[in-house]
Amino acid sequence: MAKPATRMPRAFEKNTLLNTPQTPKQDQAVVATKIPPARRGRATGRVTITDVAKAANVSPMTVSRSLKSPESVQQNLRDRITAVVQKLGYVPNQAASTLASSKSQVIGVIVPSLTNAVFIDTLSGIRDCLGAAGYQFLIGESGYSPAKERELIATYMAHAPDGFLLTGIEQQEASRVLLASNHIPAVRMYDLSKNVNDLTVGFSQKKAGYSVARHLIERGYRRPAFMAAQLDPRTMKRREGFRKGLKEAGLNPNLEILLPVPTTIELGAQLFTKILEQRPDCDAVFCCNDDLALGVLFECQRRGIQVPTQMAIIGFNDLPWAAQSIPAITTIITPRYDIGYVAAELLLKTLKGKPIDKARVDLGFELAIRGST
């Protein structure tokens, strides 16, 4: 797993106040300072940096430095300014800072789902990396829709994000044009692009599907089925790899159940029932995620089908409970946290103009062989 990036110190700014001697009387005056009521901005009613400066008896520039580069301002002045900021309830105007610096310190992050544990883990990695670097991020849920993703990108543009972290590589052309025309870098997660201009962090979905087919073949299963829902591009690439592995072994790859709806454990049981109706002698099922796999396991238990002697079950992603089911479910372990962390790290390097060793970062995957096969 990538180590957290060390935040680069900001350049030391000269401040003539650093060399200004402070007498004990002046220090006492700081403690006893009475803070007058703030004059709020006419347009917004918010306390301004000028209000803080007047109350603290310093210049607005000193307030700004104290907030942005505390090490460049003398301790007693920082204490005075901090006291005034807390008393007046001052909140820095991020929009003004963005205009002044051309940097918002904000990253747009778009994932397909905010209820899927897979992407929650990825967001944790993003949070840990960006937080250590002083960045915030806006989270958007695309619902697996490229059109919705484009709408979110356009909406977040109003917040002047420094960059984007996107899921998958199949963005609409309009999304790519929007990012390129505004010179906003993006790193794409969970897949690997052949486009040399794309920054991608993930693993080969096709190879993962292929490895599942090879495992079932090596274990002696000859009538496997593929089960999938949602049908996003990554799922379909797993299917492609799985079919390739079966064809190479001379097996029938056409026993499939594909349904473009959200996945649930209950759906797994329902789809497995349909598979048995089509092919009662089916002896293995590769499910596009662990939710479906657990549903298949439950249905096997209801029907008295022995796992793995009569039916093998393989899932995908290795959710926490997959290893705890009885029997434990064989599945593909995906580096979800690392994908988020490394993608954020790669984006930060791009924003800082640092050299990029690899634009295509393959974090790989692992087949966890357990009791269900």
Protein backbone atom coordinates (compact mmCIF):
# COMPACT_ATOMS: atom_id res chain seq x y z
CA MET A 1 0.00 0.00 0.00
CA ALA A 2 1.29 3.40 -0.85
CA LYS A 3 2.65 5.43 2.05
CA PRO A 4 0.85 8.69 2.90
CA ALA A 5 2.36 11.57 1.01
CA THR A 6 4.32 14.07 3.13
CA ARG A 7 2.94 17.53 2.73
CA MET A 8 5.47 19.91 1.21
CA PRO A 9 6.21 22.93 3.42
CA ARG A 10 5.25 26.27 1.99
CA ALA A 11 7.98 28.74 1.21
CA PHE A 12 8.84 30.96 4.20
CA GLU A 13 7.39 34.45 3.71
CA LYS A 14 9.16 37.51 5.01
CA ASN A 15 7.26 39.47 7.58
CA THR A 16 8.70 42.62 9.12
CA LEU A 17 6.60 41.93 12.21
CA LEU A 18 8.87 38.97 13.01
CA ASN A 19 11.62 41.39 13.95
CA THR A 20 9.41 43.76 15.91
CA PRO A 21 10.30 43.58 19.60
CA GLN A 22 7.38 43.05 21.99
CA THR A 23 7.49 44.39 25.53
CA PRO A 24 5.77 42.76 28.51
CA LYS A 25 3.24 45.63 28.55
CA GLN A 26 2.34 44.93 24.95
CA ASP A 27 1.81 41.24 25.77
CA GLN A 28 -0.50 42.17 28.61
CA ALA A 29 -2.43 44.48 26.24
CA VAL A 30 -2.99 41.54 23.92
CA VAL A 31 -4.72 39.61 26.67
CA ALA A 32 -6.86 42.57 27.70
CA THR A 33 -7.83 43.64 24.20
CA LYS A 34 -11.53 44.36 23.91
CA ILE A 35 -12.87 43.24 20.57
CA PRO A 36 -15.31 45.71 19.02
CA PRO A 37 -18.37 44.50 17.10
CA ALA A 38 -17.53 43.52 13.53
CA ARG A 39 -18.80 45.48 10.55
CA ARG A 40 -20.13 42.80 8.27
CA GLY A 41 -19.81 42.85 4.49
CA ARG A 42 -22.69 44.69 2.88
CA ALA A 43 -23.39 42.08 0.23
CA THR A 44 -23.11 38.86 2.27
CA GLY A 45 -23.40 39.96 5.91
CA ARG A 46 -20.24 37.94 6.60
CA VAL A 47 -17.36 39.02 8.81
CA THR A 48 -14.49 40.10 6.55
CA ILE A 49 -10.74 39.82 6.87
CA THR A 50 -10.70 43.62 7.25
CA ASP A 51 -12.95 43.31 10.31
CA VAL A 52 -10.52 40.85 11.85
CA ALA A 53 -7.52 43.04 11.04
CA LYS A 54 -9.08 46.11 12.67
CA ALA A 55 -10.12 44.22 15.79
CA ALA A 56 -6.64 42.69 16.14
CA ASN A 57 -4.91 46.00 15.29
CA VAL A 58 -2.90 44.46 12.46
CA SER A 59 -3.01 44.64 8.68
CA PRO A 60 -5.24 42.35 6.57
CA MET A 61 -2.05 40.90 5.06
CA THR A 62 -0.87 39.84 8.51
CA VAL A 63 -4.21 38.13 9.17
CA SER A 64 -3.93 36.32 5.85
CA ARG A 65 -0.40 35.14 6.59
CA SER A 66 -1.36 34.04 10.08
CA LEU A 67 -4.12 31.85 8.67
CA LYS A 68 -2.27 30.48 5.65
CA SER A 69 1.36 30.39 6.86
CA PRO A 70 1.30 30.53 10.67
CA GLU A 71 5.05 29.94 10.92
CA SER A 72 5.68 33.29 9.21
CA VAL A 73 3.95 35.34 11.91
CA GLN A 74 5.18 35.91 15.46
CA GLN A 75 3.50 33.77 18.10
CA ASN A 76 1.92 36.59 20.12
CA LEU A 77 0.38 38.08 16.96
CA ARG A 78 -0.98 34.66 15.94
CA ASP A 79 -2.56 34.30 19.36
CA ARG A 80 -4.17 37.72 19.06
CA ILE A 81 -5.50 37.04 15.58
CA THR A 82 -6.76 33.59 16.56
CA ALA A 83 -8.67 35.05 19.48
CA VAL A 84 -10.33 37.63 17.22
CA VAL A 85 -11.17 35.04 14.54
CA GLN A 86 -12.88 32.85 17.14
CA LYS A 87 -14.67 35.78 18.78
CA LEU A 88 -16.04 37.19 15.50
CA GLY A 89 -16.70 33.81 13.89
CA TYR A 90 -14.63 34.69 10.85
CA VAL A 91 -14.57 32.12 8.00
CA PRO A 92 -12.05 32.71 5.17
CA ASN A 93 -13.59 33.35 1.77
CA GLN A 94 -12.44 30.36 -0.25
CA ALA A 95 -13.68 31.87 -3.51
CA ALA A 96 -11.51 34.93 -3.00
CA SER A 97 -8.51 32.75 -2.18
CA THR A 98 -9.10 30.74 -5.32
CA LEU A 99 -9.18 33.86 -7.46
CA ALA A 100 -5.99 35.13 -5.88
CA SER A 101 -4.03 31.88 -6.09
CA SER A 102 -5.73 30.13 -9.04
CA LYS A 103 -5.96 27.09 -6.73
CA SER A 104 -9.04 26.00 -4.81
CA GLN A 105 -7.49 23.09 -2.86
CA VAL A 106 -10.64 21.18 -3.83
CA ILE A 107 -10.83 17.93 -5.81
CA GLY A 108 -13.98 16.60 -7.47
CA VAL A 109 -14.54 12.88 -6.84
CA ILE A 110 -17.24 10.95 -8.71
CA VAL A 111 -18.10 7.34 -7.90
CA PRO A 112 -20.99 5.19 -9.16
CA SER A 113 -22.50 4.53 -5.71
CA LEU A 114 -22.31 5.88 -2.17
CA THR A 115 -23.94 2.78 -0.68
CA ASN A 116 -21.59 0.24 -2.23
CA ALA A 117 -18.88 -0.76 0.28
CA VAL A 118 -16.40 -1.06 -2.59
CA PHE A 119 -16.44 2.68 -3.24
CA ILE A 120 -16.63 3.60 0.44
CA ASP A 121 -13.23 1.94 0.86
CA THR A 122 -11.91 3.87 -2.13
CA LEU A 123 -13.18 7.16 -0.70
CA SER A 124 -11.33 6.36 2.53
CA GLY A 125 -8.07 6.10 0.60
CA ILE A 126 -8.77 9.37 -1.20
CA ARG A 127 -9.61 11.09 2.08
CA ASP A 128 -6.40 9.96 3.76
CA CYS A 129 -4.19 11.11 0.89
CA LEU A 130 -5.88 14.42 0.13
CA GLY A 131 -6.38 15.29 3.80
CA ALA A 132 -2.66 14.91 4.51
CA ALA A 133 -1.98 17.35 1.66
CA GLY A 134 -4.49 19.95 2.85
CA TYR A 135 -7.11 19.27 0.19
CA GLN A 136 -10.86 18.88 0.48
CA PHE A 137 -13.03 16.95 -1.97
CA LEU A 138 -16.53 17.11 -3.36
CA ILE A 139 -18.22 13.70 -3.70
CA GLY A 140 -20.67 12.97 -6.48
CA GLU A 141 -22.71 9.82 -7.18
CA SER A 142 -23.19 9.04 -10.87
CA GLY A 143 -25.48 6.04 -10.43
CA TYR A 144 -23.38 4.26 -13.09
CA SER A 145 -24.60 6.80 -15.67
CA PRO A 146 -22.03 8.51 -17.96
CA ALA A 147 -24.58 11.28 -18.59
CA LYS A 148 -24.99 11.89 -14.85
CA GLU A 149 -21.23 11.90 -14.49
CA ARG A 150 -20.97 14.62 -17.14
CA GLU A 151 -23.61 16.69 -15.31
CA LEU A 152 -21.68 16.38 -12.06
CA ILE A 153 -18.42 17.42 -13.71
CA ALA A 154 -20.12 20.49 -15.17
CA THR A 155 -21.73 21.35 -11.83
CA TYR A 156 -18.50 21.01 -9.89
CA MET A 157 -16.72 23.27 -12.36
CA ALA A 158 -18.46 26.17 -10.59
CA HIS A 159 -16.33 25.38 -7.53
CA ALA A 160 -13.12 25.67 -9.59
CA PRO A 161 -11.75 22.24 -8.62
CA ASP A 162 -8.04 21.70 -9.12
CA GLY A 163 -8.67 18.23 -10.54
CA PHE A 164 -10.99 15.22 -10.68
CA LEU A 165 -10.90 11.59 -9.61
CA LEU A 166 -13.29 9.60 -11.80
CA THR A 167 -14.42 5.96 -11.82
CA GLY A 168 -13.77 3.99 -14.98
CA ILE A 169 -12.40 5.09 -18.34
CA GLU A 170 -15.60 5.23 -20.41
CA GLN A 171 -16.48 8.89 -19.93
CA GLN A 172 -18.64 10.61 -22.50
CA GLU A 173 -16.73 12.59 -25.09
CA ALA A 174 -18.45 15.72 -23.78
CA SER A 175 -16.93 15.05 -20.34
CA ARG A 176 -13.46 14.69 -21.78
CA VAL A 177 -13.85 17.88 -23.81
CA LEU A 178 -15.08 19.75 -20.74
CA LEU A 179 -12.03 18.72 -18.72
CA ALA A 180 -9.55 19.32 -21.54
CA SER A 181 -10.90 22.73 -22.54
CA ASN A 182 -10.63 23.92 -18.94
CA HIS A 183 -7.18 22.35 -18.47
CA ILE A 184 -8.32 20.34 -15.47
CA PRO A 185 -6.41 17.09 -14.88
CA ALA A 186 -8.24 13.87 -14.04
CA VAL A 187 -7.19 10.45 -12.81
CA ARG A 188 -9.44 7.53 -13.68
CA MET A 189 -9.84 4.65 -11.23
CA TYR A 190 -10.63 0.93 -11.33
CA ASP A 191 -9.51 0.29 -14.88
CA LEU A 192 -6.44 0.67 -17.08
CA SER A 193 -6.53 2.72 -20.24
CA LYS A 194 -4.51 2.19 -23.39
CA ASN A 195 -4.81 5.91 -24.11
CA VAL A 196 -1.38 7.40 -23.34
CA ASN A 197 -3.03 10.67 -22.32
CA ASP A 198 -5.09 9.05 -19.56
CA LEU A 199 -3.88 8.77 -15.99
CA THR A 200 -5.35 5.51 -14.67
CA VAL A 201 -5.04 3.50 -11.46
CA GLY A 202 -6.61 0.07 -11.10
CA PHE A 203 -6.27 -3.45 -12.44
CA SER A 204 -7.25 -5.50 -15.47
CA GLN A 205 -10.89 -6.50 -15.16
CA LYS A 206 -10.47 -8.90 -18.10
CA LYS A 207 -7.54 -10.69 -16.47
CA ALA A 208 -9.52 -11.02 -13.26
CA GLY A 209 -12.40 -12.71 -15.11
CA TYR A 210 -9.95 -14.92 -16.98
CA SER A 211 -8.30 -16.04 -13.74
CA VAL A 212 -11.70 -17.13 -12.38
CA ALA A 213 -12.31 -19.31 -15.46
CA ARG A 214 -8.88 -20.91 -15.16
CA HIS A 215 -9.43 -21.67 -11.48
CA LEU A 216 -12.77 -23.42 -12.10
CA ILE A 217 -11.29 -25.42 -14.96
CA GLU A 218 -8.34 -26.51 -12.81
CA ARG A 219 -10.77 -27.64 -10.09
CA GLY A 220 -12.60 -29.82 -12.60
CA TYR A 221 -15.80 -27.83 -13.15
CA ARG A 222 -17.11 -28.12 -16.71
CA ARG A 223 -20.54 -26.44 -16.81
CA PRO A 224 -19.98 -22.97 -15.34
CA ALA A 225 -22.36 -20.03 -15.56
CA PHE A 226 -21.83 -16.28 -15.36
CA MET A 227 -24.20 -14.09 -13.38
CA ALA A 228 -24.21 -10.29 -13.46
CA ALA A 229 -26.36 -7.28 -12.64
CA GLN A 230 -25.86 -3.51 -13.04
CA LEU A 231 -23.81 -4.31 -16.18
CA ASP A 232 -21.39 -1.41 -15.94
CA PRO A 233 -18.37 -1.55 -18.30
CA ARG A 234 -16.08 -3.10 -15.67
CA THR A 235 -18.51 -5.96 -15.06
CA MET A 236 -18.73 -6.62 -18.78
CA LYS A 237 -14.94 -6.77 -19.03
CA ARG A 238 -14.89 -9.44 -16.29
CA ARG A 239 -17.41 -11.34 -18.39
CA GLU A 240 -15.19 -10.99 -21.45
CA GLY A 241 -12.18 -12.42 -19.62
CA PHE A 242 -14.26 -15.25 -18.17
CA ARG A 243 -15.63 -16.20 -21.59
CA LYS A 244 -12.13 -16.18 -23.06
CA GLY A 245 -10.90 -18.63 -20.43
CA LEU A 246 -13.81 -21.00 -21.03
CA LYS A 247 -13.43 -20.91 -24.80
CA GLU A 248 -9.73 -21.74 -24.56
CA ALA A 249 -10.70 -24.87 -22.60
CA GLY A 250 -13.36 -25.80 -25.13
CA LEU A 251 -16.22 -25.10 -22.72
CA ASN A 252 -19.54 -23.43 -23.43
CA PRO A 253 -19.40 -19.74 -22.38
CA ASN A 254 -23.04 -19.00 -23.16
CA LEU A 255 -24.71 -19.99 -19.90
CA GLU A 256 -25.29 -16.47 -18.60
CA ILE A 257 -27.82 -14.37 -16.74
CA LEU A 258 -27.37 -10.60 -17.26
CA LEU A 259 -29.74 -8.06 -15.76
CA PRO A 260 -29.24 -4.24 -15.81
CA VAL A 261 -30.55 -3.62 -12.29
CA PRO A 262 -28.82 -2.91 -8.94
CA THR A 263 -27.35 -5.97 -7.27
CA THR A 264 -28.71 -7.45 -4.04
CA ILE A 265 -28.33 -10.73 -2.16
CA GLU A 266 -31.96 -11.55 -2.95
CA LEU A 267 -31.32 -10.98 -6.65
CA GLY A 268 -28.47 -13.48 -6.50
CA ALA A 269 -30.86 -16.17 -5.29
CA GLN A 270 -33.41 -15.27 -7.97
CA LEU A 271 -30.90 -15.32 -10.82
CA PHE A 272 -29.46 -18.63 -9.64
CA THR A 273 -32.94 -20.12 -9.81
CA LYS A 274 -33.18 -19.00 -13.45
CA ILE A 275 -29.80 -20.57 -14.20
CA LEU A 276 -30.94 -23.91 -12.80
CA GLU A 277 -34.11 -23.70 -14.90
CA GLN A 278 -32.00 -23.27 -18.04
CA ARG A 279 -29.26 -25.73 -17.12
CA PRO A 280 -30.04 -28.08 -14.20
CA ASP A 281 -26.60 -29.70 -14.50
CA CYS A 282 -24.74 -26.37 -14.00
CA ASP A 283 -21.85 -27.04 -11.58
CA ALA A 284 -20.31 -23.58 -10.98
CA VAL A 285 -21.33 -19.92 -10.91
CA PHE A 286 -19.11 -16.88 -11.28
CA CYS A 287 -20.95 -13.87 -9.83
CA CYS A 288 -19.92 -10.33 -10.78
CA ASN A 289 -19.84 -9.36 -7.07
CA ASP A 290 -20.02 -10.86 -3.59
CA ASP A 291 -23.63 -9.81 -2.97
CA LEU A 292 -24.87 -12.05 -5.76
CA ALA A 293 -22.53 -14.83 -4.64
CA LEU A 294 -23.99 -14.82 -1.14
CA GLY A 295 -27.48 -15.02 -2.62
CA VAL A 296 -26.42 -18.07 -4.63
CA LEU A 297 -24.97 -19.67 -1.50
CA PHE A 298 -28.19 -19.12 0.44
CA GLU A 299 -30.27 -20.61 -2.39
CA CYS A 300 -28.00 -23.66 -2.54
CA GLN A 301 -28.52 -24.15 1.19
CA ARG A 302 -32.30 -23.87 0.78
CA ARG A 303 -32.26 -26.45 -2.01
CA GLY A 304 -29.85 -28.84 -0.30
CA ILE A 305 -27.19 -28.33 -3.00
CA GLN A 306 -23.78 -29.12 -1.55
CA VAL A 307 -21.09 -26.43 -1.98
CA PRO A 308 -18.52 -27.01 -3.43
CA THR A 309 -19.04 -30.69 -4.31
CA GLN A 310 -22.20 -30.08 -6.36
CA MET A 311 -21.90 -26.34 -7.00
CA ALA A 312 -18.90 -24.00 -6.94
CA ILE A 313 -19.44 -20.30 -6.22
CA ILE A 314 -17.06 -17.42 -6.91
CA GLY A 315 -17.68 -13.76 -6.11
CA PHE A 316 -15.82 -10.53 -6.73
CA ASN A 317 -14.33 -7.77 -4.50
CA ASP A 318 -13.88 -9.73 -1.23
CA LEU A 319 -16.30 -7.80 0.96
CA PRO A 320 -15.62 -8.33 4.71
CA TRP A 321 -18.22 -11.06 5.21
CA ALA A 322 -17.16 -13.17 2.20
CA ALA A 323 -14.52 -14.96 4.27
CA GLN A 324 -16.97 -15.45 7.16
CA SER A 325 -19.78 -17.24 5.31
CA ILE A 326 -20.12 -21.03 5.60
CA PRO A 327 -18.45 -22.15 3.49
CA ALA A 328 -16.27 -19.08 2.92
CA ILE A 329 -16.69 -17.66 -0.57
CA THR A 330 -13.88 -17.79 -3.11
CA THR A 331 -13.55 -14.31 -4.58
CA ILE A 332 -11.31 -11.77 -6.28
CA ILE A 333 -9.60 -9.45 -3.80
CA THR A 334 -9.53 -5.92 -5.21
CA PRO A 335 -7.21 -3.17 -3.82
CA ARG A 336 -10.05 -0.72 -3.18
CA TYR A 337 -8.38 1.51 -0.57
CA ASP A 338 -5.09 1.59 -2.47
CA ILE A 339 -6.84 2.55 -5.70
CA GLY A 340 -8.23 5.66 -4.01
CA TYR A 341 -4.99 6.56 -2.25
CA VAL A 342 -2.68 6.05 -5.22
CA ALA A 343 -5.07 7.82 -7.62
CA ALA A 344 -5.17 10.85 -5.31
CA GLU A 345 -1.40 10.71 -4.97
CA LEU A 346 -1.00 10.66 -8.74
CA LEU A 347 -3.33 13.63 -9.15
CA LEU A 348 -1.42 15.64 -6.53
CA LYS A 349 1.85 14.96 -8.35
CA THR A 350 0.25 16.23 -11.55
CA LEU A 351 -1.00 19.40 -9.85
CA LYS A 352 2.45 20.09 -8.40
CA GLY A 353 4.14 19.55 -11.75
CA LYS A 354 6.13 16.60 -10.51
CA PRO A 355 7.33 13.95 -12.96
CA ILE A 356 4.99 11.01 -13.43
CA ASP A 357 6.76 7.64 -13.51
CA LYS A 358 3.75 5.74 -14.83
CA ALA A 359 0.52 7.11 -16.26
CA ARG A 360 -0.97 3.61 -16.03
CA VAL A 361 -0.66 2.17 -12.51
CA ASP A 362 -1.64 -1.50 -12.29
CA LEU A 363 -2.23 -2.47 -8.65
CA GLY A 364 -3.26 -6.00 -9.57
CA PHE A 365 -5.73 -8.33 -7.90
CA GLU A 366 -5.67 -11.62 -5.99
CA LEU A 367 -7.81 -14.74 -6.22
CA ALA A 368 -8.74 -15.77 -2.68
CA ILE A 369 -9.41 -19.52 -2.88
CA ARG A 370 -11.81 -20.62 -0.13
CA GLY A 371 -14.34 -23.27 0.72
CA SER A 372 -16.90 -22.49 -2.00
CA THR A 373 -14.65 -23.92 -4.72
